[in-house]
Structures are given as C-alpha cells and as structure tokens.
Amino acid sequence: MSLDSSASSPTDPSLDAALAGDGELLALQQEIERHFVAAIEATPMRSEPFPHVFIEGCLPQDVYDELIANLPDDDFYEPLIHKDSVRPDGTSPRIQASLTESRLAMLPEGRSRMLWTATARAVQADSIKLALLRKLEPGIRERHDEPLEEIEAYCRPALNRDVAGYKILPHPDTKAKVLTGLIYLPRDASQVGLGTSFYVPKRRFPGLKPKYALSATMPFQANACLVFAVTKRSFHGREPLPENCGIRDYFALTYYNDPTRRGYE
C-alpha cells in the first residue's frame, strides 16, 4: 500500500532530538499538514488545458514568511544540468536540493532546520497526498484505474533555485511521476511573471518537430502552490528567465510511483 508514510519518509531520531525534544517540531509539522489539506479542499480544480489546482495560501502565512527568511544559501544546493538551458561553458542556471533527512541535517541548527524539516515532512503526509488525488481525480483517471488509496505515489520534496537564462521546453513529465507540484517562493511582487507555463500541442506534421501554443502562465505568487496530474497532455515548461529577474525559488512536490526513488538524487 502506498499509504505507509513510515516507508516513504523515514525520520532520523537523533535529528528529531536535536531539533526539538519537547515536541515543537511535531506540532509545527501537524499545523502545516492540517492547513495544507484545508487549502486543497477549498480550492476548485481547473480543467483547462489539463487538470490542475492553483492553491492560494497553501502554508500558514507565518510559516511561509519564516521559510522565505530562512531560504538556504547556494552551497546547500547542487547543480542540476538540464539540456534545455545549459550555458555555453557547461554550467547550469538551476541548482537544486532534495530535502532528504540527511540533507536537512546539513542546515544550521535551530529554527531554520526545524522549519524546513517540519515542512518537508508535512508535505509527505498521506492526508495531503490523498487530498490532492481526490481533487485531481479526473486527471488521475487518465492513467490510473485503481482506487485512489491504492495508487503508488511517494512525495519527494526539493528546493529549486533558478536565475536568468533558465528555461525548459514544453513537456508532459515522465511517466514515473503521478503528480507534479510547485510551491512558489517569490522574493517580491516583481516576480509575478515567473510562473510555470502551460502549452497545447499544435497539429504535428510527419518529419517535423512538434510545436506548441502557449495556453497560460501561472502567476509566481507568494504562498501559492500549483499541482497537476501527470498525463499525456500535461504539457508545461518555462520561457527563458529574463535578465534582472532575480532569484527564482520554489519548493518542488514531486510524487513518484517508485518508493525507492529519491527525487533527483
């Protein structure tokens, strides 16, 4: 069964003790989980151009504000090379950090580590996964026939950081993913145009590369979460980030169908 959270998101007892022996960590984790579930349930699904939800206020506002103030430094991340946006010198305009227990332990001790650990654990909760599966069931049913509670879907949270020049061409995502989610972490309102774009394939002619029409671009809005079911038609991407756009941070919620998959690691 995919609803065994102990199998999909093991915790480190020594890390727990270092973080909060009095249960503060668990209380924060449960607060985030309850808030997220309520936000999902209050958000209507959008059908076009494919099933998705845009969840405003997905995290408690005070928690979100603290997370923004405690975003890790660049040395917490690793380069993530993507063929669509490799620089001429071979470097990447994207860095990424999978929020595994071992990597969370690399954060500075204290409130910062507690915040990110509680958030990373909370988003892996079965209650959040099932709320998303229920909300996005029309899209889920394009690939899955089994009861929602039996669908293999394991959340692998990560932090992504992009700078000018990053882009990714329209793609539907790999079949290894069940759900793709992004919690946007803008620095300020000037970044509102940096969200994820949706595309619709144009008529394809034999021997020619496929072309896509831009359908919409989600606002890169503070404390908002975009989630969609991965299907044959969930084409999305990102137009090249412009110069002077600043740093584009977001919290990735990727649900894989393989329990051994550890995100991008």
C-alpha atoms as a PDB file:
ATOM      1  CA  MET A   1       0.000   0.000   0.000  1.00  0.00           C
ATOM      2  CA  SER A   2       1.259   3.461  -0.882  1.00  0.00           C
ATOM      3  CA  LEU A   3      -0.207   4.977   2.284  1.00  0.00           C
ATOM      4  CA  ASP A   4       2.599   3.700   4.509  1.00  0.00           C
ATOM      5  CA  SER A   5       4.218   7.025   5.381  1.00  0.00           C
ATOM      6  CA  SER A   6       6.840   5.357   7.549  1.00  0.00           C
ATOM      7  CA  ALA A   7       8.173   3.574   4.479  1.00  0.00           C
ATOM      8  CA  SER A   8       8.088   6.608   2.184  1.00  0.00           C
ATOM      9  CA  SER A   9       9.500   9.242   4.545  1.00  0.00           C
ATOM     10  CA  PRO A  10      11.718   7.755   7.290  1.00  0.00           C
ATOM     11  CA  THR A  11      12.873  10.108  10.017  1.00  0.00           C
ATOM     12  CA  ASP A  12      16.115  10.308  11.949  1.00  0.00           C
ATOM     13  CA  PRO A  13      15.525  10.050  15.738  1.00  0.00           C
ATOM     14  CA  SER A  14      18.819  11.795  16.512  1.00  0.00           C
ATOM     15  CA  LEU A  15      17.843  14.665  14.217  1.00  0.00           C
ATOM     16  CA  ASP A  16      14.455  14.881  15.950  1.00  0.00           C
ATOM     17  CA  ALA A  17      16.132  15.116  19.331  1.00  0.00           C
ATOM     18  CA  ALA A  18      18.474  17.835  18.147  1.00  0.00           C
ATOM     19  CA  LEU A  19      15.592  19.775  16.616  1.00  0.00           C
ATOM     20  CA  ALA A  20      13.010  19.714  19.377  1.00  0.00           C
ATOM     21  CA  GLY A  21      12.852  17.301  22.253  1.00  0.00           C
ATOM     22  CA  ASP A  22       9.657  18.934  23.543  1.00  0.00           C
ATOM     23  CA  GLY A  23       7.523  18.113  20.519  1.00  0.00           C
ATOM     24  CA  GLU A  24       7.695  21.557  18.916  1.00  0.00           C
ATOM     25  CA  LEU A  25       8.810  20.009  15.629  1.00  0.00           C
ATOM     26  CA  LEU A  26       5.881  17.594  15.539  1.00  0.00           C
ATOM     27  CA  ALA A  27       3.397  20.309  16.450  1.00  0.00           C
ATOM     28  CA  LEU A  28       4.673  22.523  13.621  1.00  0.00           C
ATOM     29  CA  GLN A  29       4.584  19.615  11.175  1.00  0.00           C
ATOM     30  CA  GLN A  30       0.967  18.833  12.086  1.00  0.00           C
ATOM     31  CA  GLU A  31      -0.047  22.503  11.813  1.00  0.00           C
ATOM     32  CA  ILE A  32       1.373  22.694   8.284  1.00  0.00           C
ATOM     33  CA  GLU A  33      -0.289  19.417   7.297  1.00  0.00           C
ATOM     34  CA  ARG A  34      -3.740  20.453   8.549  1.00  0.00           C
ATOM     35  CA  HIS A  35      -3.517  23.861   6.903  1.00  0.00           C
ATOM     36  CA  PHE A  36      -2.403  22.417   3.556  1.00  0.00           C
ATOM     37  CA  VAL A  37      -5.203  19.843   3.482  1.00  0.00           C
ATOM     38  CA  ALA A  38      -7.811  22.517   4.230  1.00  0.00           C
ATOM     39  CA  ALA A  39      -6.375  24.757   1.480  1.00  0.00           C
ATOM     40  CA  ILE A  40      -6.509  21.902  -1.054  1.00  0.00           C
ATOM     41  CA  GLU A  41     -10.086  21.048  -0.164  1.00  0.00           C
ATOM     42  CA  ALA A  42     -11.152  24.701  -0.511  1.00  0.00           C
ATOM     43  CA  THR A  43      -9.592  25.075  -3.979  1.00  0.00           C
ATOM     44  CA  PRO A  44     -11.575  24.237  -7.139  1.00  0.00           C
ATOM     45  CA  MET A  45      -9.919  22.127  -9.820  1.00  0.00           C
ATOM     46  CA  ARG A  46      -9.322  23.746 -13.196  1.00  0.00           C
ATOM     47  CA  SER A  47      -9.788  21.538 -16.252  1.00  0.00           C
ATOM     48  CA  GLU A  48      -8.036  23.525 -18.990  1.00  0.00           C
ATOM     49  CA  PRO A  49      -5.705  22.879 -20.625  1.00  0.00           C
ATOM     50  CA  PHE A  50      -5.380  19.840 -18.312  1.00  0.00           C
ATOM     51  CA  PRO A  51      -6.479  19.124 -14.724  1.00  0.00           C
ATOM     52  CA  HIS A  52      -4.649  21.291 -12.184  1.00  0.00           C
ATOM     53  CA  VAL A  53      -5.152  23.268  -8.982  1.00  0.00           C
ATOM     54  CA  PHE A  54      -3.681  26.622  -8.006  1.00  0.00           C
ATOM     55  CA  ILE A  55      -3.799  26.646  -4.206  1.00  0.00           C
ATOM     56  CA  GLU A  56      -3.515  30.090  -2.660  1.00  0.00           C
ATOM     57  CA  GLY A  57      -2.328  30.330   0.956  1.00  0.00           C
ATOM     58  CA  CYS A  58      -1.135  26.730   0.908  1.00  0.00           C
ATOM     59  CA  LEU A  59       1.012  27.188   4.034  1.00  0.00           C
ATOM     60  CA  PRO A  60       0.247  29.048   7.273  1.00  0.00           C
ATOM     61  CA  GLN A  61       1.260  32.629   6.486  1.00  0.00           C
ATOM     62  CA  ASP A  62       3.614  32.956   9.458  1.00  0.00           C
ATOM     63  CA  VAL A  63       5.352  29.720   8.474  1.00  0.00           C
ATOM     64  CA  TYR A  64       5.665  30.873   4.876  1.00  0.00           C
ATOM     65  CA  ASP A  65       7.175  34.192   5.966  1.00  0.00           C
ATOM     66  CA  GLU A  66       9.737  32.376   8.111  1.00  0.00           C
ATOM     67  CA  LEU A  67      10.636  29.986   5.293  1.00  0.00           C
ATOM     68  CA  ILE A  68      11.306  32.913   2.964  1.00  0.00           C
ATOM     69  CA  ALA A  69      13.516  34.492   5.626  1.00  0.00           C
ATOM     70  CA  ASN A  70      15.371  31.186   6.065  1.00  0.00           C
ATOM     71  CA  LEU A  71      15.983  30.115   2.469  1.00  0.00           C
ATOM     72  CA  PRO A  72      19.296  28.209   2.401  1.00  0.00           C
ATOM     73  CA  ASP A  73      22.464  29.640   0.926  1.00  0.00           C
ATOM     74  CA  ASP A  74      23.629  28.453  -2.501  1.00  0.00           C
ATOM     75  CA  ASP A  75      26.121  25.993  -1.011  1.00  0.00           C
ATOM     76  CA  PHE A  76      23.204  23.899   0.295  1.00  0.00           C
ATOM     77  CA  TYR A  77      22.257  23.119  -3.319  1.00  0.00           C
ATOM     78  CA  GLU A  78      23.808  21.139  -6.152  1.00  0.00           C
ATOM     79  CA  PRO A  79      23.909  21.998  -9.875  1.00  0.00           C
ATOM     80  CA  LEU A  80      21.088  20.424 -11.856  1.00  0.00           C
ATOM     81  CA  ILE A  81      22.006  20.202 -15.521  1.00  0.00           C
ATOM     82  CA  HIS A  82      19.124  20.287 -17.983  1.00  0.00           C
ATOM     83  CA  LYS A  83      19.819  20.137 -21.701  1.00  0.00           C
ATOM     84  CA  ASP A  84      17.319  22.920 -22.450  1.00  0.00           C
ATOM     85  CA  SER A  85      19.262  25.570 -20.562  1.00  0.00           C
ATOM     86  CA  VAL A  86      22.940  24.652 -20.338  1.00  0.00           C
ATOM     87  CA  ARG A  87      25.196  27.695 -20.586  1.00  0.00           C
ATOM     88  CA  PRO A  88      27.972  27.805 -23.224  1.00  0.00           C
ATOM     89  CA  ASP A  89      30.528  26.990 -20.505  1.00  0.00           C
ATOM     90  CA  GLY A  90      28.579  23.861 -19.487  1.00  0.00           C
ATOM     91  CA  THR A  91      27.211  25.250 -16.235  1.00  0.00           C
ATOM     92  CA  SER A  92      23.551  25.402 -15.288  1.00  0.00           C
ATOM     93  CA  PRO A  93      21.303  28.315 -14.296  1.00  0.00           C
ATOM     94  CA  ARG A  94      19.493  25.943 -11.911  1.00  0.00           C
ATOM     95  CA  ILE A  95      20.597  24.464  -8.612  1.00  0.00           C
ATOM     96  CA  GLN A  96      18.564  22.003  -6.574  1.00  0.00           C
ATOM     97  CA  ALA A  97      18.493  20.302  -3.176  1.00  0.00           C
ATOM     98  CA  SER A  98      16.422  17.206  -2.457  1.00  0.00           C
ATOM     99  CA  LEU A  99      15.054  17.595   1.072  1.00  0.00           C
ATOM    100  CA  THR A 100      16.053  14.194   2.379  1.00  0.00           C
ATOM    101  CA  GLU A 101      16.677  13.716   6.081  1.00  0.00           C
ATOM    102  CA  SER A 102      20.437  13.622   5.511  1.00  0.00           C
ATOM    103  CA  ARG A 103      20.427  16.912   3.605  1.00  0.00           C
ATOM    104  CA  LEU A 104      18.109  18.607   6.103  1.00  0.00           C
ATOM    105  CA  ALA A 105      20.664  17.756   8.786  1.00  0.00           C
ATOM    106  CA  MET A 106      23.149  19.972   6.883  1.00  0.00           C
ATOM    107  CA  LEU A 107      21.089  23.087   7.655  1.00  0.00           C
ATOM    108  CA  PRO A 108      22.148  25.321  10.564  1.00  0.00           C
ATOM    109  CA  GLU A 109      20.861  24.067  13.900  1.00  0.00           C
ATOM    110  CA  GLY A 110      17.914  25.865  15.388  1.00  0.00           C
ATOM    111  CA  ARG A 111      14.788  27.410  13.948  1.00  0.00           C
ATOM    112  CA  SER A 112      15.861  27.246  10.290  1.00  0.00           C
ATOM    113  CA  ARG A 113      16.433  23.486  10.379  1.00  0.00           C
ATOM    114  CA  MET A 114      13.208  22.933  12.301  1.00  0.00           C
ATOM    115  CA  LEU A 115      11.159  24.947   9.786  1.00  0.00           C
ATOM    116  CA  TRP A 116      12.424  23.133   6.706  1.00  0.00           C
ATOM    117  CA  THR A 117      12.316  19.721   8.376  1.00  0.00           C
ATOM    118  CA  ALA A 118       8.739  20.206   9.563  1.00  0.00           C
ATOM    119  CA  THR A 119       7.660  21.458   6.146  1.00  0.00           C
ATOM    120  CA  ALA A 120       9.417  18.681   4.236  1.00  0.00           C
ATOM    121  CA  ARG A 121       7.878  16.017   6.459  1.00  0.00           C
ATOM    122  CA  ALA A 122       4.433  17.611   6.440  1.00  0.00           C
ATOM    123  CA  VAL A 123       4.124  17.673   2.644  1.00  0.00           C
ATOM    124  CA  GLN A 124       4.869  13.947   2.559  1.00  0.00           C
ATOM    125  CA  ALA A 125       1.813  13.203   4.712  1.00  0.00           C
ATOM    126  CA  ASP A 126      -0.747  10.746   3.385  1.00  0.00           C
ATOM    127  CA  SER A 127      -3.546  13.213   4.144  1.00  0.00           C
ATOM    128  CA  ILE A 128      -2.079  15.764   1.708  1.00  0.00           C
ATOM    129  CA  LYS A 129      -1.435  13.155  -0.963  1.00  0.00           C
ATOM    130  CA  LEU A 130      -4.968  11.777  -0.766  1.00  0.00           C
ATOM    131  CA  ALA A 131      -6.483  15.276  -0.780  1.00  0.00           C
ATOM    132  CA  LEU A 132      -4.575  16.035  -3.986  1.00  0.00           C
ATOM    133  CA  LEU A 133      -5.507  12.722  -5.608  1.00  0.00           C
ATOM    134  CA  ARG A 134      -9.173  13.322  -4.821  1.00  0.00           C
ATOM    135  CA  LYS A 135      -9.091  16.898  -6.091  1.00  0.00           C
ATOM    136  CA  LEU A 136      -7.314  15.910  -9.307  1.00  0.00           C
ATOM    137  CA  GLU A 137      -9.156  12.633  -9.867  1.00  0.00           C
ATOM    138  CA  PRO A 138     -10.268  13.482 -13.433  1.00  0.00           C
ATOM    139  CA  GLY A 139      -6.605  13.787 -14.417  1.00  0.00           C
ATOM    140  CA  ILE A 140      -5.551  10.802 -12.330  1.00  0.00           C
ATOM    141  CA  ARG A 141      -8.105   8.636 -14.129  1.00  0.00           C
ATOM    142  CA  GLU A 142      -6.402   9.314 -17.450  1.00  0.00           C
ATOM    143  CA  ARG A 143      -3.650   6.919 -16.318  1.00  0.00           C
ATOM    144  CA  HIS A 144      -4.831   5.053 -13.212  1.00  0.00           C
ATOM    145  CA  ASP A 145      -7.812   2.729 -12.676  1.00  0.00           C
ATOM    146  CA  GLU A 146      -7.213   1.520  -9.106  1.00  0.00           C
ATOM    147  CA  PRO A 147      -8.823   3.096  -6.022  1.00  0.00           C
ATOM    148  CA  LEU A 148      -7.144   6.366  -5.084  1.00  0.00           C
ATOM    149  CA  GLU A 149      -5.994   4.935  -1.742  1.00  0.00           C
ATOM    150  CA  GLU A 150      -4.065   2.223  -3.606  1.00  0.00           C
ATOM    151  CA  ILE A 151      -2.217   4.407  -6.088  1.00  0.00           C
ATOM    152  CA  GLU A 152       1.534   4.268  -5.596  1.00  0.00           C
ATOM    153  CA  ALA A 153       2.606   7.893  -5.131  1.00  0.00           C
ATOM    154  CA  TYR A 154       5.573   8.955  -3.000  1.00  0.00           C
ATOM    155  CA  CYS A 155       6.338  12.633  -2.420  1.00  0.00           C
ATOM    156  CA  ARG A 156       9.973  13.677  -2.826  1.00  0.00           C
ATOM    157  CA  PRO A 157      10.250  17.349  -1.807  1.00  0.00           C
ATOM    158  CA  ALA A 158      13.080  19.519  -3.062  1.00  0.00           C
ATOM    159  CA  LEU A 159      14.153  23.148  -3.291  1.00  0.00           C
ATOM    160  CA  ASN A 160      14.939  24.582  -6.727  1.00  0.00           C
ATOM    161  CA  ARG A 161      16.705  27.861  -7.448  1.00  0.00           C
ATOM    162  CA  ASP A 162      16.854  29.367 -10.947  1.00  0.00           C
ATOM    163  CA  VAL A 163      18.475  32.509 -12.341  1.00  0.00           C
ATOM    164  CA  ALA A 164      18.358  34.396 -15.653  1.00  0.00           C
ATOM    165  CA  GLY A 165      18.648  32.137 -18.687  1.00  0.00           C
ATOM    166  CA  TYR A 166      16.906  29.140 -17.196  1.00  0.00           C
ATOM    167  CA  LYS A 167      14.278  27.599 -19.457  1.00  0.00           C
ATOM    168  CA  ILE A 168      12.623  24.267 -20.093  1.00  0.00           C
ATOM    169  CA  LEU A 169      10.769  23.366 -23.268  1.00  0.00           C
ATOM    170  CA  PRO A 170       7.165  22.083 -23.244  1.00  0.00           C
ATOM    171  CA  HIS A 171       6.986  18.531 -21.915  1.00  0.00           C
ATOM    172  CA  PRO A 172       4.335  16.393 -20.150  1.00  0.00           C
ATOM    173  CA  ASP A 173       6.720  14.952 -17.477  1.00  0.00           C
ATOM    174  CA  THR A 174       7.957  11.410 -17.149  1.00  0.00           C
ATOM    175  CA  LYS A 175       5.552   8.502 -16.564  1.00  0.00           C
ATOM    176  CA  ALA A 176       7.461   7.878 -13.319  1.00  0.00           C
ATOM    177  CA  LYS A 177       5.584  10.867 -11.861  1.00  0.00           C
ATOM    178  CA  VAL A 178       1.976  10.780 -10.664  1.00  0.00           C
ATOM    179  CA  LEU A 179       1.668  14.404  -9.537  1.00  0.00           C
ATOM    180  CA  THR A 180       3.869  17.445 -10.075  1.00  0.00           C
ATOM    181  CA  GLY A 181       3.632  20.329  -7.625  1.00  0.00           C
ATOM    182  CA  LEU A 182       5.426  23.639  -7.058  1.00  0.00           C
ATOM    183  CA  ILE A 183       5.114  25.971  -4.072  1.00  0.00           C
ATOM    184  CA  TYR A 184       6.241  29.356  -5.327  1.00  0.00           C
ATOM    185  CA  LEU A 185       8.664  31.345  -3.147  1.00  0.00           C
ATOM    186  CA  PRO A 186       8.958  34.779  -4.814  1.00  0.00           C
ATOM    187  CA  ARG A 187      11.199  37.434  -3.343  1.00  0.00           C
ATOM    188  CA  ASP A 188       8.623  40.131  -4.061  1.00  0.00           C
ATOM    189  CA  ALA A 189       5.688  41.030  -6.313  1.00  0.00           C
ATOM    190  CA  SER A 190       8.008  41.988  -9.191  1.00  0.00           C
ATOM    191  CA  GLN A 191       8.495  38.261  -9.917  1.00  0.00           C
ATOM    192  CA  VAL A 192       4.815  37.536 -10.585  1.00  0.00           C
ATOM    193  CA  GLY A 193       5.510  36.768 -14.264  1.00  0.00           C
ATOM    194  CA  LEU A 194       7.992  33.958 -13.500  1.00  0.00           C
ATOM    195  CA  GLY A 195       5.471  31.138 -13.021  1.00  0.00           C
ATOM    196  CA  THR A 196       5.020  27.854 -14.862  1.00  0.00           C
ATOM    197  CA  SER A 197       3.617  27.970 -18.401  1.00  0.00           C
ATOM    198  CA  PHE A 198       1.028  25.593 -19.865  1.00  0.00           C
ATOM    199  CA  TYR A 199       1.020  24.588 -23.525  1.00  0.00           C
ATOM    200  CA  VAL A 200      -1.263  22.928 -26.046  1.00  0.00           C
ATOM    201  CA  PRO A 201       0.301  20.880 -28.887  1.00  0.00           C
ATOM    202  CA  LYS A 202      -0.330  22.150 -32.381  1.00  0.00           C
ATOM    203  CA  ARG A 203      -1.054  19.840 -35.277  1.00  0.00           C
ATOM    204  CA  ARG A 204       2.042  17.735 -35.894  1.00  0.00           C
ATOM    205  CA  PHE A 205       3.321  17.023 -39.375  1.00  0.00           C
ATOM    206  CA  PRO A 206       5.433  13.918 -40.117  1.00  0.00           C
ATOM    207  CA  GLY A 207       9.156  14.628 -40.067  1.00  0.00           C
ATOM    208  CA  LEU A 208       8.833  17.989 -38.326  1.00  0.00           C
ATOM    209  CA  LYS A 209       9.438  18.844 -34.700  1.00  0.00           C
ATOM    210  CA  PRO A 210       6.262  19.288 -32.641  1.00  0.00           C
ATOM    211  CA  LYS A 211       5.137  22.835 -31.940  1.00  0.00           C
ATOM    212  CA  TYR A 212       3.106  24.176 -29.029  1.00  0.00           C
ATOM    213  CA  ALA A 213       0.826  27.111 -28.360  1.00  0.00           C
ATOM    214  CA  LEU A 214       1.226  28.921 -25.034  1.00  0.00           C
ATOM    215  CA  SER A 215      -2.055  28.497 -23.155  1.00  0.00           C
ATOM    216  CA  ALA A 216      -1.382  30.288 -19.859  1.00  0.00           C
ATOM    217  CA  THR A 217       1.338  31.185 -17.386  1.00  0.00           C
ATOM    218  CA  MET A 218       0.599  30.716 -13.712  1.00  0.00           C
ATOM    219  CA  PRO A 219       1.388  33.757 -11.544  1.00  0.00           C
ATOM    220  CA  PHE A 220       4.545  33.303  -9.495  1.00  0.00           C
ATOM    221  CA  GLN A 221       2.555  34.248  -6.424  1.00  0.00           C
ATOM    222  CA  ALA A 222       3.675  34.181  -2.811  1.00  0.00           C
ATOM    223  CA  ASN A 223       2.466  31.189  -0.796  1.00  0.00           C
ATOM    224  CA  ALA A 224       0.715  29.624  -3.800  1.00  0.00           C
ATOM    225  CA  CYS A 225       1.036  26.018  -4.925  1.00  0.00           C
ATOM    226  CA  LEU A 226       0.455  24.683  -8.426  1.00  0.00           C
ATOM    227  CA  VAL A 227      -0.241  20.943  -8.681  1.00  0.00           C
ATOM    228  CA  PHE A 228      -1.263  18.909 -11.723  1.00  0.00           C
ATOM    229  CA  ALA A 229      -1.808  15.274 -12.573  1.00  0.00           C
ATOM    230  CA  VAL A 230       0.864  13.957 -14.934  1.00  0.00           C
ATOM    231  CA  THR A 231      -0.841  12.774 -18.127  1.00  0.00           C
ATOM    232  CA  LYS A 232      -0.070  12.521 -21.828  1.00  0.00           C
ATOM    233  CA  ARG A 233      -1.332  16.088 -22.243  1.00  0.00           C
ATOM    234  CA  SER A 234       0.135  17.871 -19.198  1.00  0.00           C
ATOM    235  CA  PHE A 235       2.500  19.971 -21.330  1.00  0.00           C
ATOM    236  CA  HIS A 236       4.248  22.607 -19.257  1.00  0.00           C
ATOM    237  CA  GLY A 237       7.541  24.447 -19.220  1.00  0.00           C
ATOM    238  CA  ARG A 238       9.188  27.773 -18.575  1.00  0.00           C
ATOM    239  CA  GLU A 239      10.030  30.506 -21.048  1.00  0.00           C
ATOM    240  CA  PRO A 240      13.628  31.774 -20.644  1.00  0.00           C
ATOM    241  CA  LEU A 241      14.001  33.727 -17.421  1.00  0.00           C
ATOM    242  CA  PRO A 242      14.864  37.313 -18.353  1.00  0.00           C
ATOM    243  CA  GLU A 243      17.875  39.264 -17.234  1.00  0.00           C
ATOM    244  CA  ASN A 244      17.438  41.085 -13.932  1.00  0.00           C
ATOM    245  CA  CYS A 245      14.652  38.690 -12.866  1.00  0.00           C
ATOM    246  CA  GLY A 246      16.418  37.973  -9.602  1.00  0.00           C
ATOM    247  CA  ILE A 247      16.472  34.534  -7.995  1.00  0.00           C
ATOM    248  CA  ARG A 248      13.522  32.223  -8.716  1.00  0.00           C
ATOM    249  CA  ASP A 249      12.989  29.934  -5.723  1.00  0.00           C
ATOM    250  CA  TYR A 250      10.345  27.270  -5.430  1.00  0.00           C
ATOM    251  CA  PHE A 251       9.580  24.196  -3.348  1.00  0.00           C
ATOM    252  CA  ALA A 252       9.014  21.172  -5.597  1.00  0.00           C
ATOM    253  CA  LEU A 253       6.489  18.495  -4.616  1.00  0.00           C
ATOM    254  CA  THR A 254       7.031  15.565  -6.958  1.00  0.00           C
ATOM    255  CA  TYR A 255       5.096  12.344  -6.453  1.00  0.00           C
ATOM    256  CA  TYR A 256       6.828   9.314  -7.961  1.00  0.00           C
ATOM    257  CA  ASN A 257       5.323   5.852  -8.465  1.00  0.00           C
ATOM    258  CA  ASP A 258       8.501   4.147  -7.195  1.00  0.00           C
ATOM    259  CA  PRO A 259       9.061   4.035  -3.409  1.00  0.00           C
ATOM    260  CA  THR A 260      12.836   3.726  -3.900  1.00  0.00           C
ATOM    261  CA  ARG A 261      13.044   6.886  -5.972  1.00  0.00           C
ATOM    262  CA  ARG A 262      14.711   9.716  -4.040  1.00  0.00           C
ATOM    263  CA  GLY A 263      13.850  12.589  -6.310  1.00  0.00           C
ATOM    264  CA  TYR A 264      16.797  13.924  -8.279  1.00  0.00           C
ATOM    265  CA  GLU A 265      19.413  12.210  -6.152  1.00  0.00           C
END
